[in-house]
Amino acid sequence: MLNKFLKELGEEGAKPEEKLTVKKKDLADKEDEIIVLSPCLS
């Protein structure tokens, strides 16, 4: 299901990230961005 979603958005090459840090200063020059997170199984 995720692959179909990414394909429809043209983001087929999105690699899963382990961590995402969002800072206010980094958001100023961003519009739309697709980020795939790896599942954390603990």
Protein backbone atom coordinates (compact mmCIF):
# COMPACT_ATOMS: atom_id res chain seq x y z
CA MET A 1 0.00 0.00 0.00
CA LEU A 2 2.83 2.39 0.82
CA ASN A 3 4.55 1.67 -2.50
CA LYS A 4 1.35 2.47 -4.40
CA PHE A 5 0.99 5.76 -2.49
CA LEU A 6 4.61 6.73 -3.18
CA LYS A 7 4.24 5.83 -6.87
CA GLU A 8 1.16 8.04 -7.23
CA LEU A 9 3.11 10.95 -5.74
CA GLY A 10 6.16 10.29 -7.92
CA GLU A 11 8.29 9.48 -4.87
CA GLU A 12 9.13 5.85 -5.67
CA GLY A 13 12.78 6.25 -4.63
CA ALA A 14 12.02 7.39 -1.07
CA LYS A 15 14.31 5.55 1.36
CA PRO A 16 13.11 4.84 4.91
CA GLU A 17 14.70 7.04 7.57
CA GLU A 18 15.29 5.87 11.13
CA LYS A 19 14.81 9.30 12.69
CA LEU A 20 13.17 12.62 11.84
CA THR A 21 14.04 15.87 13.52
CA VAL A 22 11.95 18.92 12.63
CA LYS A 23 13.19 22.40 13.43
CA LYS A 24 11.26 25.60 12.84
CA LYS A 25 14.10 27.17 10.84
CA ASP A 26 14.14 24.17 8.47
CA LEU A 27 10.44 24.54 7.68
CA ALA A 28 10.72 28.00 6.14
CA ASP A 29 11.98 26.78 2.75
CA LYS A 30 9.95 23.54 2.61
CA GLU A 31 6.63 23.14 0.86
CA ASP A 32 5.78 19.48 0.35
CA GLU A 33 8.10 16.63 1.23
CA ILE A 34 7.41 12.94 1.62
CA ILE A 35 9.44 11.21 4.34
CA VAL A 36 9.15 7.50 5.01
CA LEU A 37 10.07 6.38 8.52
CA SER A 38 11.31 2.90 9.41
CA PRO A 39 9.19 1.04 11.96
CA CYS A 40 10.65 0.98 15.45
CA LEU A 41 10.13 -2.46 16.91
CA SER A 42 11.17 -2.56 20.54
